[in-house]
Amino acid sequence: MATRQNSSNGKPKSPRIQVVLPEFICEQLTILATNESRTVSNMAKVLIQEGIKKYFEKEGKVLVSEHNLNTEQIRDELEKQSVRRLKRAPQRIRYYKKFD
């Protein structure tokens, strides 16, 4: 079972698990992480997420919770926005909402 710790300010940290990998897989994971400028643990997290997503798609089951779906939609919309250079420090942050 995953263990959950508390940070110094009392908020709970994300659950932690421990995995034992063969040396060859660990080396491959390290190479992938380096190629994508990620930490090894973050790369493992990404690969696990992709594997779980593919598994549920194959089984035809619903994987994404409503919260995660909303977060992914927001991230996608933000990534689609064009990059504009600032002439000076912004006076306020403006969020653009796409209306259908």
N, C-alpha and C. Protein backbone atom coordinates (compact mmCIF):
# COMPACT_ATOMS: atom_id res chain seq x y z
N MET A 1 0.84 -1.17 0.00
CA MET A 1 0.00 0.00 0.00
C MET A 1 0.89 1.24 0.00
N ALA A 2 0.47 2.28 -0.69
CA ALA A 2 1.23 3.51 -0.76
C ALA A 2 1.25 4.20 0.59
N THR A 3 2.38 4.78 0.93
CA THR A 3 2.48 5.51 2.19
C THR A 3 2.32 7.00 1.92
N ARG A 4 1.71 7.69 2.87
CA ARG A 4 1.51 9.13 2.72
C ARG A 4 2.18 9.83 3.89
N GLN A 5 2.99 10.83 3.57
CA GLN A 5 3.69 11.59 4.58
C GLN A 5 3.13 13.00 4.63
N ASN A 6 3.46 13.71 5.68
CA ASN A 6 3.07 15.12 5.79
C ASN A 6 4.30 15.99 5.61
N SER A 7 4.10 17.13 4.94
CA SER A 7 5.21 18.06 4.76
C SER A 7 5.41 18.85 6.05
N SER A 8 6.42 19.69 6.08
CA SER A 8 6.74 20.45 7.28
C SER A 8 5.62 21.43 7.66
N ASN A 9 4.80 21.84 6.68
CA ASN A 9 3.70 22.75 7.00
C ASN A 9 2.41 22.01 7.34
N GLY A 10 2.46 20.68 7.40
CA GLY A 10 1.32 19.89 7.81
C GLY A 10 0.45 19.37 6.69
N LYS A 11 0.66 19.86 5.46
CA LYS A 11 -0.15 19.40 4.34
C LYS A 11 0.32 18.01 3.93
N PRO A 12 -0.61 17.13 3.53
CA PRO A 12 -0.19 15.79 3.11
C PRO A 12 0.54 15.80 1.78
N LYS A 13 1.58 15.00 1.68
CA LYS A 13 2.31 14.85 0.42
C LYS A 13 1.61 13.80 -0.43
N SER A 14 1.99 13.74 -1.70
CA SER A 14 1.45 12.72 -2.59
C SER A 14 1.87 11.34 -2.08
N PRO A 15 1.06 10.31 -2.33
CA PRO A 15 1.42 8.96 -1.89
C PRO A 15 2.73 8.50 -2.52
N ARG A 16 3.49 7.72 -1.79
CA ARG A 16 4.78 7.21 -2.24
C ARG A 16 4.71 5.69 -2.35
N ILE A 17 5.35 5.16 -3.38
CA ILE A 17 5.50 3.71 -3.50
C ILE A 17 6.96 3.40 -3.74
N GLN A 18 7.34 2.17 -3.49
CA GLN A 18 8.71 1.74 -3.74
C GLN A 18 8.66 0.59 -4.72
N VAL A 19 9.48 0.67 -5.77
CA VAL A 19 9.50 -0.33 -6.82
C VAL A 19 10.93 -0.82 -7.00
N VAL A 20 11.09 -2.14 -7.13
CA VAL A 20 12.40 -2.72 -7.38
C VAL A 20 12.46 -3.05 -8.87
N LEU A 21 13.46 -2.48 -9.57
CA LEU A 21 13.60 -2.67 -11.01
C LEU A 21 14.89 -3.42 -11.32
N PRO A 22 14.87 -4.22 -12.38
CA PRO A 22 16.13 -4.81 -12.85
C PRO A 22 17.06 -3.70 -13.34
N GLU A 23 18.33 -3.94 -13.27
CA GLU A 23 19.34 -2.94 -13.64
C GLU A 23 19.12 -2.40 -15.04
N PHE A 24 18.80 -3.27 -16.00
CA PHE A 24 18.62 -2.87 -17.39
C PHE A 24 17.46 -1.88 -17.54
N ILE A 25 16.34 -2.16 -16.88
CA ILE A 25 15.19 -1.25 -16.96
C ILE A 25 15.51 0.08 -16.29
N CYS A 26 16.23 0.04 -15.19
CA CYS A 26 16.62 1.27 -14.51
C CYS A 26 17.52 2.14 -15.40
N GLU A 27 18.42 1.51 -16.13
CA GLU A 27 19.29 2.25 -17.05
C GLU A 27 18.48 2.87 -18.18
N GLN A 28 17.52 2.10 -18.72
CA GLN A 28 16.67 2.63 -19.79
C GLN A 28 15.84 3.81 -19.28
N LEU A 29 15.31 3.69 -18.07
CA LEU A 29 14.52 4.76 -17.47
C LEU A 29 15.36 6.01 -17.28
N THR A 30 16.60 5.84 -16.87
CA THR A 30 17.52 6.96 -16.69
C THR A 30 17.80 7.65 -18.03
N ILE A 31 17.99 6.87 -19.08
CA ILE A 31 18.25 7.43 -20.42
C ILE A 31 17.04 8.23 -20.89
N LEU A 32 15.84 7.65 -20.75
CA LEU A 32 14.61 8.35 -21.15
C LEU A 32 14.45 9.66 -20.38
N ALA A 33 14.71 9.60 -19.07
CA ALA A 33 14.57 10.80 -18.24
C ALA A 33 15.55 11.89 -18.68
N THR A 34 16.77 11.50 -18.99
CA THR A 34 17.78 12.46 -19.44
C THR A 34 17.37 13.07 -20.78
N ASN A 35 16.86 12.25 -21.69
CA ASN A 35 16.44 12.75 -23.00
C ASN A 35 15.30 13.75 -22.92
N GLU A 36 14.44 13.60 -21.91
CA GLU A 36 13.29 14.50 -21.77
C GLU A 36 13.50 15.54 -20.68
N SER A 37 14.71 15.66 -20.17
CA SER A 37 15.05 16.63 -19.11
C SER A 37 14.12 16.48 -17.91
N ARG A 38 13.95 15.27 -17.47
CA ARG A 38 13.11 14.97 -16.31
C ARG A 38 13.95 14.25 -15.26
N THR A 39 13.41 14.18 -14.04
CA THR A 39 14.04 13.33 -13.04
C THR A 39 13.61 11.89 -13.34
N VAL A 40 14.35 10.96 -12.81
CA VAL A 40 14.03 9.55 -13.04
C VAL A 40 12.66 9.22 -12.44
N SER A 41 12.37 9.73 -11.25
CA SER A 41 11.09 9.43 -10.62
C SER A 41 9.94 10.06 -11.40
N ASN A 42 10.14 11.27 -11.94
CA ASN A 42 9.09 11.91 -12.74
C ASN A 42 8.86 11.14 -14.04
N MET A 43 9.94 10.65 -14.65
CA MET A 43 9.81 9.87 -15.88
C MET A 43 9.05 8.57 -15.59
N ALA A 44 9.34 7.94 -14.47
CA ALA A 44 8.63 6.72 -14.09
C ALA A 44 7.15 7.03 -13.90
N LYS A 45 6.84 8.15 -13.27
CA LYS A 45 5.44 8.55 -13.07
C LYS A 45 4.74 8.73 -14.41
N VAL A 46 5.38 9.42 -15.35
CA VAL A 46 4.79 9.66 -16.67
C VAL A 46 4.53 8.34 -17.39
N LEU A 47 5.51 7.44 -17.37
CA LEU A 47 5.34 6.15 -18.04
C LEU A 47 4.25 5.30 -17.39
N ILE A 48 4.15 5.36 -16.08
CA ILE A 48 3.08 4.63 -15.39
C ILE A 48 1.72 5.20 -15.77
N GLN A 49 1.62 6.53 -15.81
CA GLN A 49 0.35 7.16 -16.20
C GLN A 49 -0.05 6.75 -17.62
N GLU A 50 0.90 6.76 -18.54
CA GLU A 50 0.61 6.38 -19.93
C GLU A 50 0.20 4.91 -20.01
N GLY A 51 0.88 4.05 -19.26
CA GLY A 51 0.54 2.63 -19.26
C GLY A 51 -0.85 2.38 -18.71
N ILE A 52 -1.20 3.06 -17.64
CA ILE A 52 -2.53 2.91 -17.05
C ILE A 52 -3.60 3.41 -18.02
N LYS A 53 -3.32 4.55 -18.66
CA LYS A 53 -4.27 5.11 -19.62
C LYS A 53 -4.51 4.13 -20.78
N LYS A 54 -3.42 3.56 -21.32
CA LYS A 54 -3.56 2.60 -22.42
C LYS A 54 -4.30 1.35 -21.97
N TYR A 55 -4.04 0.89 -20.76
CA TYR A 55 -4.72 -0.28 -20.24
C TYR A 55 -6.23 -0.06 -20.17
N PHE A 56 -6.65 1.08 -19.62
CA PHE A 56 -8.07 1.35 -19.49
C PHE A 56 -8.72 1.58 -20.85
N GLU A 57 -7.99 2.19 -21.78
CA GLU A 57 -8.54 2.36 -23.13
C GLU A 57 -8.74 0.99 -23.79
N LYS A 58 -7.80 0.09 -23.60
CA LYS A 58 -7.88 -1.25 -24.16
C LYS A 58 -9.07 -2.01 -23.57
N GLU A 59 -9.29 -1.85 -22.27
CA GLU A 59 -10.37 -2.54 -21.58
C GLU A 59 -11.72 -1.85 -21.80
N GLY A 60 -11.69 -0.64 -22.36
CA GLY A 60 -12.94 0.10 -22.61
C GLY A 60 -13.57 0.64 -21.34
N LYS A 61 -12.76 0.91 -20.35
CA LYS A 61 -13.27 1.43 -19.07
C LYS A 61 -12.92 2.90 -18.94
N VAL A 62 -13.66 3.60 -18.08
CA VAL A 62 -13.42 5.02 -17.84
C VAL A 62 -12.27 5.14 -16.85
N LEU A 63 -11.28 5.95 -17.20
CA LEU A 63 -10.10 6.13 -16.35
C LEU A 63 -10.08 7.49 -15.68
N VAL A 64 -10.39 8.53 -16.44
CA VAL A 64 -10.16 9.90 -15.99
C VAL A 64 -11.29 10.36 -15.09
N SER A 65 -10.91 10.86 -13.93
CA SER A 65 -11.92 11.45 -13.06
C SER A 65 -12.30 12.82 -13.61
N GLU A 66 -13.40 13.36 -13.16
CA GLU A 66 -13.87 14.66 -13.64
C GLU A 66 -12.85 15.75 -13.33
N HIS A 67 -12.20 15.66 -12.16
CA HIS A 67 -11.20 16.65 -11.77
C HIS A 67 -10.01 16.63 -12.72
N ASN A 68 -9.48 15.45 -13.03
CA ASN A 68 -8.34 15.34 -13.92
C ASN A 68 -8.68 15.77 -15.33
N LEU A 69 -9.89 15.45 -15.79
CA LEU A 69 -10.32 15.84 -17.12
C LEU A 69 -10.34 17.35 -17.24
N ASN A 70 -10.87 18.02 -16.23
CA ASN A 70 -10.95 19.47 -16.22
C ASN A 70 -9.55 20.08 -16.24
N THR A 71 -8.64 19.52 -15.47
CA THR A 71 -7.27 20.01 -15.41
C THR A 71 -6.58 19.87 -16.76
N GLU A 72 -6.78 18.73 -17.41
CA GLU A 72 -6.16 18.51 -18.72
C GLU A 72 -6.73 19.46 -19.76
N GLN A 73 -8.03 19.74 -19.71
CA GLN A 73 -8.63 20.67 -20.66
C GLN A 73 -8.07 22.07 -20.47
N ILE A 74 -7.94 22.50 -19.23
CA ILE A 74 -7.38 23.82 -18.94
C ILE A 74 -5.94 23.90 -19.45
N ARG A 75 -5.14 22.86 -19.17
CA ARG A 75 -3.75 22.85 -19.60
C ARG A 75 -3.66 22.91 -21.12
N ASP A 76 -4.51 22.13 -21.81
CA ASP A 76 -4.50 22.14 -23.28
C ASP A 76 -4.85 23.52 -23.83
N GLU A 77 -5.85 24.15 -23.25
CA GLU A 77 -6.24 25.49 -23.71
C GLU A 77 -5.12 26.51 -23.49
N LEU A 78 -4.46 26.43 -22.35
CA LEU A 78 -3.36 27.36 -22.07
C LEU A 78 -2.19 27.14 -23.02
N GLU A 79 -1.91 25.87 -23.36
CA GLU A 79 -0.80 25.57 -24.27
C GLU A 79 -1.11 26.02 -25.70
N LYS A 80 -2.39 26.11 -26.06
CA LYS A 80 -2.77 26.53 -27.40
C LYS A 80 -2.66 28.05 -27.58
N GLN A 81 -2.68 28.79 -26.48
CA GLN A 81 -2.61 30.25 -26.59
C GLN A 81 -1.25 30.67 -27.13
N SER A 82 -1.27 31.72 -27.93
CA SER A 82 -0.02 32.21 -28.51
C SER A 82 0.84 32.88 -27.44
N VAL A 83 2.13 32.87 -27.68
CA VAL A 83 3.08 33.49 -26.76
C VAL A 83 3.26 34.95 -27.17
N ARG A 84 3.10 35.84 -26.21
CA ARG A 84 3.28 37.27 -26.49
C ARG A 84 4.34 37.82 -25.55
N ARG A 85 5.18 38.66 -26.07
CA ARG A 85 6.20 39.28 -25.24
C ARG A 85 5.59 40.42 -24.44
N LEU A 86 6.05 40.56 -23.21
CA LEU A 86 5.57 41.64 -22.36
C LEU A 86 6.41 42.89 -22.59
N LYS A 87 5.74 44.04 -22.68
CA LYS A 87 6.46 45.30 -22.83
C LYS A 87 6.90 45.82 -21.47
N ARG A 88 6.14 45.48 -20.47
CA ARG A 88 6.48 45.85 -19.09
C ARG A 88 5.83 44.82 -18.18
N ALA A 89 6.03 44.96 -16.90
CA ALA A 89 5.43 44.02 -15.96
C ALA A 89 3.91 44.12 -16.05
N PRO A 90 3.21 43.00 -16.06
CA PRO A 90 1.76 43.05 -16.18
C PRO A 90 1.11 43.67 -14.95
N GLN A 91 0.06 44.42 -15.19
CA GLN A 91 -0.66 45.04 -14.08
C GLN A 91 -1.63 44.06 -13.45
N ARG A 92 -2.14 43.16 -14.26
CA ARG A 92 -3.00 42.10 -13.76
C ARG A 92 -2.92 40.92 -14.72
N ILE A 93 -3.28 39.77 -14.23
CA ILE A 93 -3.27 38.57 -15.05
C ILE A 93 -4.61 38.45 -15.74
N ARG A 94 -4.59 38.18 -17.03
CA ARG A 94 -5.81 38.02 -17.80
C ARG A 94 -5.89 36.59 -18.31
N TYR A 95 -6.98 35.95 -18.03
CA TYR A 95 -7.24 34.60 -18.51
C TYR A 95 -8.28 34.70 -19.62
N TYR A 96 -8.02 34.05 -20.72
CA TYR A 96 -8.94 34.07 -21.84
C TYR A 96 -9.72 32.78 -21.86
N LYS A 97 -11.03 32.91 -21.87
CA LYS A 97 -11.89 31.74 -21.90
C LYS A 97 -12.48 31.61 -23.29
N LYS A 98 -12.37 30.42 -23.86
CA LYS A 98 -12.86 30.17 -25.20
C LYS A 98 -14.36 29.87 -25.12
N PHE A 99 -15.15 30.62 -25.83
CA PHE A 99 -16.58 30.39 -25.88
C PHE A 99 -16.93 29.63 -27.13
N ASP A 100 -17.74 28.59 -26.98
CA ASP A 100 -18.15 27.76 -28.13
C ASP A 100 -19.38 28.32 -28.79
